[in-house]
N, C-alpha and C. Protein backbone atom coordinates (compact mmCIF):
# COMPACT_ATOMS: atom_id res chain seq x y z
N MET A 1 -66.30 -18.75 -39.10
CA MET A 1 -65.64 -19.57 -37.99
C MET A 1 -63.99 -19.56 -38.63
N PHE A 2 -63.20 -19.53 -37.68
CA PHE A 2 -62.03 -19.41 -37.80
C PHE A 2 -61.02 -20.79 -38.20
N THR A 3 -61.99 -22.10 -37.72
CA THR A 3 -61.43 -23.13 -37.82
C THR A 3 -61.92 -23.79 -39.24
N MET A 4 -62.69 -23.22 -39.88
CA MET A 4 -63.29 -23.54 -40.95
C MET A 4 -62.27 -23.58 -42.13
N PHE A 5 -61.35 -22.48 -41.97
CA PHE A 5 -60.43 -22.27 -43.08
C PHE A 5 -59.12 -23.03 -42.57
N HIS A 6 -58.98 -23.00 -40.95
CA HIS A 6 -57.82 -23.85 -40.78
C HIS A 6 -58.21 -24.77 -39.54
N PRO A 7 -58.86 -26.02 -40.39
CA PRO A 7 -59.24 -27.13 -39.37
C PRO A 7 -58.39 -27.66 -38.35
N GLU A 8 -57.01 -27.66 -38.80
CA GLU A 8 -56.02 -28.11 -37.86
C GLU A 8 -55.82 -27.57 -36.73
N LEU A 9 -56.40 -26.27 -36.17
CA LEU A 9 -56.42 -25.50 -35.13
C LEU A 9 -57.06 -26.45 -34.19
N ALA A 10 -58.12 -26.87 -34.49
CA ALA A 10 -58.97 -27.69 -33.51
C ALA A 10 -58.34 -28.83 -32.95
N LEU A 11 -57.17 -29.38 -33.53
CA LEU A 11 -56.26 -30.26 -32.69
C LEU A 11 -55.17 -29.68 -32.08
N MET A 12 -54.64 -28.50 -31.78
CA MET A 12 -54.10 -28.20 -31.23
C MET A 12 -54.24 -27.42 -29.85
N GLY A 13 -53.24 -27.87 -28.76
CA GLY A 13 -53.48 -27.54 -27.67
C GLY A 13 -52.78 -28.51 -26.61
N SER A 14 -52.79 -28.19 -25.22
CA SER A 14 -52.01 -29.24 -24.47
C SER A 14 -52.83 -29.53 -23.34
N CYS A 15 -52.44 -30.89 -22.62
CA CYS A 15 -53.27 -30.71 -21.56
C CYS A 15 -52.19 -31.19 -20.06
N VAL A 16 -52.60 -30.82 -19.06
CA VAL A 16 -51.99 -31.25 -17.85
C VAL A 16 -52.46 -31.81 -16.79
N LEU A 17 -51.66 -32.79 -15.95
CA LEU A 17 -52.16 -32.99 -14.77
C LEU A 17 -50.95 -32.89 -13.67
N ALA A 18 -51.08 -32.47 -12.87
CA ALA A 18 -50.27 -32.08 -11.63
C ALA A 18 -50.73 -32.36 -10.37
N VAL A 19 -50.01 -33.30 -9.68
CA VAL A 19 -49.93 -33.79 -8.20
C VAL A 19 -49.33 -33.27 -7.25
N GLN A 20 -49.49 -33.08 -6.19
CA GLN A 20 -48.46 -32.56 -5.06
C GLN A 20 -49.07 -33.09 -3.85
N THR A 21 -48.22 -33.81 -2.98
CA THR A 21 -48.60 -34.42 -1.78
C THR A 21 -47.78 -33.52 -0.46
N LYS A 22 -48.42 -33.16 0.51
CA LYS A 22 -47.72 -32.69 1.64
C LYS A 22 -48.52 -33.31 2.68
N GLY A 23 -47.60 -34.18 3.26
CA GLY A 23 -48.31 -35.00 4.69
C GLY A 23 -49.36 -36.09 3.93
N GLU A 24 -50.62 -35.89 4.34
CA GLU A 24 -51.59 -36.78 4.09
C GLU A 24 -52.54 -36.05 3.18
N ASP A 25 -52.09 -34.63 2.84
CA ASP A 25 -53.05 -34.05 1.89
C ASP A 25 -52.41 -34.26 0.45
N VAL A 26 -53.26 -34.30 -0.62
CA VAL A 26 -52.91 -34.34 -1.96
C VAL A 26 -53.75 -33.35 -2.57
N TYR A 27 -52.90 -32.55 -3.72
CA TYR A 27 -53.35 -31.59 -4.38
C TYR A 27 -53.39 -32.13 -5.72
N ILE A 28 -54.56 -31.94 -6.59
CA ILE A 28 -54.50 -32.16 -7.90
C ILE A 28 -55.25 -31.10 -8.65
N MET A 29 -54.25 -30.70 -9.78
CA MET A 29 -54.91 -29.76 -11.06
C MET A 29 -54.83 -30.53 -12.34
N ASN A 30 -56.02 -30.48 -12.95
CA ASN A 30 -55.83 -30.96 -14.58
C ASN A 30 -56.40 -29.67 -15.13
N VAL A 31 -55.74 -29.67 -16.55
CA VAL A 31 -56.57 -29.17 -17.61
C VAL A 31 -56.75 -29.77 -18.65
N ARG A 32 -57.73 -29.89 -19.15
CA ARG A 32 -58.24 -30.39 -20.55
C ARG A 32 -58.82 -31.84 -20.34
N ASP A 33 -58.44 -32.74 -21.09
CA ASP A 33 -59.02 -33.87 -20.58
C ASP A 33 -58.16 -34.83 -20.17
N SER A 34 -57.11 -34.50 -19.38
CA SER A 34 -56.07 -35.41 -18.22
C SER A 34 -57.17 -35.59 -17.19
N GLN A 35 -57.28 -36.98 -16.61
CA GLN A 35 -57.43 -37.19 -15.40
C GLN A 35 -56.74 -37.96 -14.30
N ALA A 36 -57.15 -37.50 -13.11
CA ALA A 36 -56.35 -38.34 -12.06
C ALA A 36 -57.21 -39.40 -11.43
N VAL A 37 -56.84 -40.50 -11.44
CA VAL A 37 -57.73 -41.75 -10.83
C VAL A 37 -57.12 -42.51 -9.69
N LEU A 38 -57.58 -42.79 -8.69
CA LEU A 38 -57.10 -43.75 -7.63
C LEU A 38 -57.59 -45.11 -7.99
N GLY A 39 -56.29 -45.92 -7.84
CA GLY A 39 -56.61 -47.39 -7.79
C GLY A 39 -56.76 -47.89 -6.42
N LYS A 40 -57.77 -48.59 -6.04
CA LYS A 40 -58.16 -49.06 -4.66
C LYS A 40 -58.48 -50.37 -5.11
N LYS A 41 -57.89 -51.38 -4.04
CA LYS A 41 -57.79 -52.68 -4.29
C LYS A 41 -59.28 -53.01 -3.62
N SER A 42 -60.23 -53.56 -4.31
CA SER A 42 -61.38 -54.00 -4.01
C SER A 42 -61.69 -55.02 -3.30
N GLU A 43 -62.66 -55.16 -2.51
CA GLU A 43 -62.93 -56.38 -1.83
C GLU A 43 -63.12 -57.67 -2.62
N ILE A 44 -62.78 -58.88 -1.83
CA ILE A 44 -62.97 -59.96 -2.78
C ILE A 44 -64.36 -60.17 -3.04
N LYS A 45 -64.67 -60.04 -4.44
CA LYS A 45 -66.25 -59.94 -5.24
C LYS A 45 -66.75 -61.06 -5.32
N ASP A 46 -65.96 -62.35 -5.73
CA ASP A 46 -66.34 -63.37 -6.37
C ASP A 46 -65.51 -64.64 -5.62
N LEU A 47 -66.30 -65.41 -4.97
CA LEU A 47 -65.54 -66.66 -4.34
C LEU A 47 -66.12 -67.79 -5.25
N GLN A 48 -65.49 -68.43 -5.81
CA GLN A 48 -65.88 -69.79 -7.01
C GLN A 48 -65.40 -71.10 -5.76
N ARG A 49 -66.47 -71.98 -6.30
CA ARG A 49 -66.29 -73.32 -5.50
C ARG A 49 -65.10 -73.97 -5.96
N ILE A 50 -64.97 -75.05 -5.06
CA ILE A 50 -63.84 -76.07 -5.71
C ILE A 50 -64.66 -76.95 -6.86
N SER A 51 -63.68 -76.92 -7.88
CA SER A 51 -64.30 -77.36 -9.00
C SER A 51 -64.12 -78.67 -8.92
N GLU A 52 -64.66 -79.45 -9.92
CA GLU A 52 -64.69 -81.20 -10.00
C GLU A 52 -63.15 -81.66 -10.08
N ASP A 53 -62.48 -80.80 -11.28
CA ASP A 53 -61.36 -81.26 -11.74
C ASP A 53 -60.04 -80.95 -10.51
N GLY A 54 -60.40 -80.29 -9.14
CA GLY A 54 -59.64 -80.33 -8.24
C GLY A 54 -58.68 -79.23 -8.17
N GLU A 55 -59.18 -77.96 -8.65
CA GLU A 55 -58.53 -77.07 -9.08
C GLU A 55 -58.25 -76.31 -7.72
N GLY A 56 -59.43 -76.42 -6.81
CA GLY A 56 -59.46 -75.68 -5.50
C GLY A 56 -60.05 -74.46 -5.45
N PHE A 57 -59.70 -73.77 -4.08
CA PHE A 57 -60.39 -72.31 -4.18
C PHE A 57 -59.96 -71.37 -4.79
N ARG A 58 -60.60 -70.79 -5.41
CA ARG A 58 -60.08 -69.10 -5.98
C ARG A 58 -60.74 -68.18 -5.74
N ALA A 59 -60.16 -66.95 -5.35
CA ALA A 59 -60.69 -65.54 -5.13
C ALA A 59 -60.18 -64.73 -6.06
N SER A 60 -61.29 -63.96 -6.82
CA SER A 60 -61.00 -62.98 -8.01
C SER A 60 -60.51 -61.51 -7.08
N SER A 61 -59.59 -60.78 -7.41
CA SER A 61 -59.47 -59.69 -6.75
C SER A 61 -59.22 -58.57 -7.77
N THR A 62 -59.97 -57.34 -8.05
CA THR A 62 -59.65 -56.48 -9.03
C THR A 62 -59.30 -55.11 -8.22
N LEU A 63 -59.05 -53.77 -8.91
CA LEU A 63 -58.94 -52.75 -8.64
C LEU A 63 -60.40 -52.13 -8.93
N ASP A 64 -60.56 -51.12 -8.29
CA ASP A 64 -61.69 -50.06 -8.38
C ASP A 64 -61.02 -48.75 -8.63
N ALA A 65 -61.58 -48.31 -9.83
CA ALA A 65 -60.98 -47.00 -10.05
C ALA A 65 -62.12 -45.85 -9.60
N ILE A 66 -61.26 -44.83 -8.72
CA ILE A 66 -61.80 -43.62 -8.31
C ILE A 66 -61.51 -42.37 -8.72
N GLN A 67 -62.43 -41.58 -9.72
CA GLN A 67 -62.04 -40.35 -10.47
C GLN A 67 -61.70 -39.38 -9.51
N LEU A 68 -60.56 -38.72 -9.32
CA LEU A 68 -60.29 -37.51 -8.41
C LEU A 68 -60.31 -36.32 -9.05
N THR A 69 -60.53 -35.99 -10.20
CA THR A 69 -60.52 -34.92 -11.03
C THR A 69 -62.14 -34.76 -11.79
N LEU A 70 -62.25 -33.17 -12.04
CA LEU A 70 -63.50 -33.50 -12.85
C LEU A 70 -63.01 -33.21 -14.44
N ASP A 71 -63.95 -33.75 -15.02
CA ASP A 71 -63.59 -33.55 -16.64
C ASP A 71 -64.24 -32.03 -17.14
N HIS A 72 -63.18 -31.59 -17.95
CA HIS A 72 -63.41 -30.40 -18.54
C HIS A 72 -63.75 -30.58 -19.93
N SER A 73 -65.19 -30.79 -20.11
CA SER A 73 -65.65 -31.32 -21.21
C SER A 73 -67.12 -30.79 -21.56
N THR A 74 -67.41 -30.79 -22.79
CA THR A 74 -69.19 -30.33 -22.90
C THR A 74 -69.90 -31.40 -22.81
N GLY A 75 -69.49 -32.72 -22.22
CA GLY A 75 -70.17 -33.47 -21.87
C GLY A 75 -70.67 -33.39 -20.32
N VAL A 76 -70.02 -32.21 -19.55
CA VAL A 76 -70.43 -31.95 -18.51
C VAL A 76 -71.19 -30.86 -18.51
N GLU A 77 -72.69 -30.99 -17.83
CA GLU A 77 -73.39 -29.93 -18.05
C GLU A 77 -72.99 -28.76 -17.15
N GLU A 78 -72.39 -28.98 -16.23
CA GLU A 78 -72.03 -27.98 -15.21
C GLU A 78 -71.09 -27.06 -16.08
N GLU A 79 -70.16 -27.76 -16.87
CA GLU A 79 -69.02 -26.61 -17.53
C GLU A 79 -69.76 -26.16 -18.79
N VAL A 80 -70.94 -26.61 -19.29
CA VAL A 80 -71.68 -26.13 -20.48
C VAL A 80 -72.34 -24.73 -19.83
N ARG A 81 -73.06 -25.06 -18.81
CA ARG A 81 -73.56 -23.64 -18.01
C ARG A 81 -72.58 -22.59 -17.65
N ARG A 82 -71.37 -22.94 -17.26
CA ARG A 82 -70.25 -21.99 -16.59
C ARG A 82 -70.06 -21.30 -18.00
N ILE A 83 -69.80 -21.95 -19.24
CA ILE A 83 -69.71 -21.25 -20.58
C ILE A 83 -70.44 -20.29 -20.90
N LYS A 84 -71.84 -20.87 -20.56
CA LYS A 84 -72.74 -19.79 -21.39
C LYS A 84 -72.96 -18.78 -20.16
N ARG A 85 -72.68 -18.94 -18.91
CA ARG A 85 -72.62 -17.76 -17.85
C ARG A 85 -71.99 -16.90 -18.10
N GLU A 86 -70.38 -17.39 -18.47
CA GLU A 86 -69.49 -16.23 -19.02
C GLU A 86 -69.37 -15.73 -20.27
N HIS A 87 -70.33 -16.30 -21.30
CA HIS A 87 -70.42 -15.56 -22.34
C HIS A 87 -71.70 -15.34 -22.73
N PRO A 88 -72.44 -14.81 -22.04
CA PRO A 88 -74.14 -14.64 -22.30
C PRO A 88 -74.36 -13.95 -23.64
N GLU A 89 -73.42 -13.01 -24.14
CA GLU A 89 -73.57 -12.68 -25.54
C GLU A 89 -73.37 -13.33 -26.63
N ASP A 90 -72.75 -14.44 -26.57
CA ASP A 90 -72.35 -15.27 -27.50
C ASP A 90 -73.57 -16.45 -27.83
N ALA A 91 -74.02 -16.44 -28.59
CA ALA A 91 -75.14 -17.32 -28.75
C ALA A 91 -74.48 -18.95 -29.35
N CYS A 92 -73.52 -18.46 -29.68
CA CYS A 92 -72.47 -19.85 -30.49
C CYS A 92 -71.31 -20.38 -29.43
N ALA A 93 -71.41 -19.94 -28.08
CA ALA A 93 -70.40 -20.32 -27.01
C ALA A 93 -70.00 -21.94 -27.21
N VAL A 94 -71.16 -22.42 -26.80
CA VAL A 94 -71.40 -24.22 -27.02
C VAL A 94 -72.11 -24.05 -28.40
N MET A 95 -71.91 -24.90 -29.16
CA MET A 95 -72.61 -25.28 -30.77
C MET A 95 -72.12 -26.65 -30.72
N ASN A 96 -73.42 -27.53 -31.33
CA ASN A 96 -72.81 -29.02 -31.56
C ASN A 96 -71.96 -29.59 -30.42
N ASP A 97 -72.80 -29.45 -29.41
CA ASP A 97 -72.07 -30.00 -28.13
C ASP A 97 -70.00 -29.66 -28.24
N ARG A 98 -69.63 -28.44 -28.87
CA ARG A 98 -68.43 -28.12 -28.68
C ARG A 98 -68.42 -26.68 -28.49
N VAL A 99 -67.10 -26.39 -27.88
CA VAL A 99 -66.78 -25.00 -27.56
C VAL A 99 -66.63 -24.45 -28.95
N LYS A 100 -67.64 -23.22 -29.06
CA LYS A 100 -67.49 -22.82 -30.77
C LYS A 100 -67.66 -23.37 -31.55
N GLY A 101 -68.27 -24.78 -31.82
CA GLY A 101 -68.36 -25.58 -32.60
C GLY A 101 -67.16 -26.40 -33.15
N SER A 102 -65.82 -26.32 -32.19
CA SER A 102 -64.80 -26.85 -32.71
C SER A 102 -64.20 -28.07 -31.62
N LEU A 103 -63.94 -27.53 -30.57
CA LEU A 103 -63.47 -28.15 -29.17
C LEU A 103 -64.48 -28.96 -28.35
N LYS A 104 -64.17 -30.20 -27.81
CA LYS A 104 -65.06 -30.73 -26.94
C LYS A 104 -64.64 -30.52 -25.55
N VAL A 105 -63.49 -30.25 -25.34
CA VAL A 105 -62.88 -29.77 -24.21
C VAL A 105 -63.15 -28.39 -23.97
N THR A 106 -63.39 -27.98 -22.43
CA THR A 106 -63.96 -26.67 -22.16
C THR A 106 -62.92 -25.76 -21.23
N ARG A 107 -61.57 -26.41 -21.32
CA ARG A 107 -60.46 -25.77 -20.62
C ARG A 107 -59.16 -26.30 -21.25
N ALA A 108 -58.51 -25.68 -21.95
CA ALA A 108 -57.19 -26.36 -22.57
C ALA A 108 -55.85 -24.65 -22.54
N PHE A 109 -54.80 -25.38 -22.55
CA PHE A 109 -53.94 -24.41 -22.98
C PHE A 109 -53.74 -24.48 -24.82
N GLY A 110 -53.25 -23.39 -25.23
CA GLY A 110 -53.16 -23.49 -26.77
C GLY A 110 -54.57 -23.28 -26.97
N ALA A 111 -55.16 -23.49 -27.90
CA ALA A 111 -56.30 -22.94 -28.50
C ALA A 111 -56.62 -21.55 -28.62
N GLY A 112 -55.40 -20.88 -28.96
CA GLY A 112 -55.79 -19.24 -28.61
C GLY A 112 -56.61 -18.51 -29.46
N PHE A 113 -56.96 -19.25 -30.56
CA PHE A 113 -57.98 -18.63 -31.46
C PHE A 113 -59.45 -18.59 -30.75
N LEU A 114 -59.53 -19.20 -29.76
CA LEU A 114 -61.12 -19.50 -28.87
C LEU A 114 -60.94 -18.47 -27.79
N LYS A 115 -59.68 -17.85 -27.28
CA LYS A 115 -59.43 -17.10 -26.32
C LYS A 115 -59.94 -15.76 -26.21
N GLN A 116 -60.25 -14.91 -25.00
CA GLN A 116 -60.21 -13.72 -24.95
C GLN A 116 -59.35 -13.45 -24.05
N VAL A 117 -58.65 -12.12 -24.12
CA VAL A 117 -57.82 -11.79 -23.43
C VAL A 117 -58.11 -11.21 -22.16
N PHE A 118 -57.71 -11.85 -21.05
CA PHE A 118 -58.09 -10.93 -19.56
C PHE A 118 -57.10 -11.38 -18.24
N ILE A 119 -57.32 -10.88 -17.27
CA ILE A 119 -56.56 -11.30 -16.09
C ILE A 119 -57.45 -12.24 -15.61
N LEU A 120 -56.54 -13.09 -14.86
CA LEU A 120 -57.58 -14.46 -14.55
C LEU A 120 -56.63 -14.18 -12.88
N ILE A 121 -57.48 -14.47 -11.71
CA ILE A 121 -57.10 -14.47 -10.59
C ILE A 121 -57.41 -15.97 -9.79
N PHE A 122 -56.27 -16.57 -9.46
CA PHE A 122 -56.73 -18.08 -8.89
C PHE A 122 -56.91 -17.79 -7.42
N CYS A 123 -58.03 -18.65 -6.98
CA CYS A 123 -58.03 -18.82 -5.50
C CYS A 123 -58.25 -19.97 -5.51
N MET A 124 -57.61 -20.63 -4.19
CA MET A 124 -57.83 -22.15 -4.07
C MET A 124 -58.88 -22.41 -3.09
N ILE A 125 -60.00 -23.24 -3.29
CA ILE A 125 -61.26 -23.48 -2.44
C ILE A 125 -60.69 -24.77 -2.07
N PRO A 126 -60.47 -25.27 -0.67
CA PRO A 126 -60.13 -26.56 -0.27
C PRO A 126 -61.58 -27.54 -0.58
N ARG A 127 -61.51 -28.66 -0.90
CA ARG A 127 -62.34 -29.54 -1.13
C ARG A 127 -61.85 -31.01 -0.79
N THR A 128 -62.43 -31.61 0.34
CA THR A 128 -62.33 -33.06 0.61
C THR A 128 -62.94 -33.97 -0.48
N LEU A 129 -61.95 -34.71 -1.07
CA LEU A 129 -62.57 -35.77 -2.24
C LEU A 129 -62.58 -37.14 -1.67
N ILE A 130 -61.54 -37.50 -0.81
CA ILE A 130 -61.43 -38.74 -0.18
C ILE A 130 -61.09 -38.79 1.08
N SER A 131 -61.82 -39.47 2.09
CA SER A 131 -61.54 -39.12 3.62
C SER A 131 -60.69 -40.30 3.85
N SER A 132 -61.03 -41.75 3.41
CA SER A 132 -60.19 -42.80 4.20
C SER A 132 -59.72 -43.75 3.03
N TYR A 133 -58.91 -43.55 2.26
CA TYR A 133 -58.47 -44.43 1.32
C TYR A 133 -57.04 -44.85 1.38
């Protein structure tokens, strides 16, 4: 294993999170362990009674976090299946809950020692994540 002799390579790589809006549409792209999260003001959850000391009525209001992107991690079973499907000849593709036993993330810039050279053609598949926020 290459990282056995150069363990610092497992720490190298970059992540990206890009967001573009067009009208009411939002397009999000992430690589590695970056996430897009929408903060939505939650409904009033807890009403407190008027206290004996006369503080009065208080309502607590918080934000709810809605994750908009998928994680690229071996913690996501769909990602593990994808890697094993794309590398059926490699029994060590995912080992010890890490890609090639080194990286927890499943998609990254850098980490060239784990990459195979190939041509990748992107196609965008529209997916509605949020309908009325």
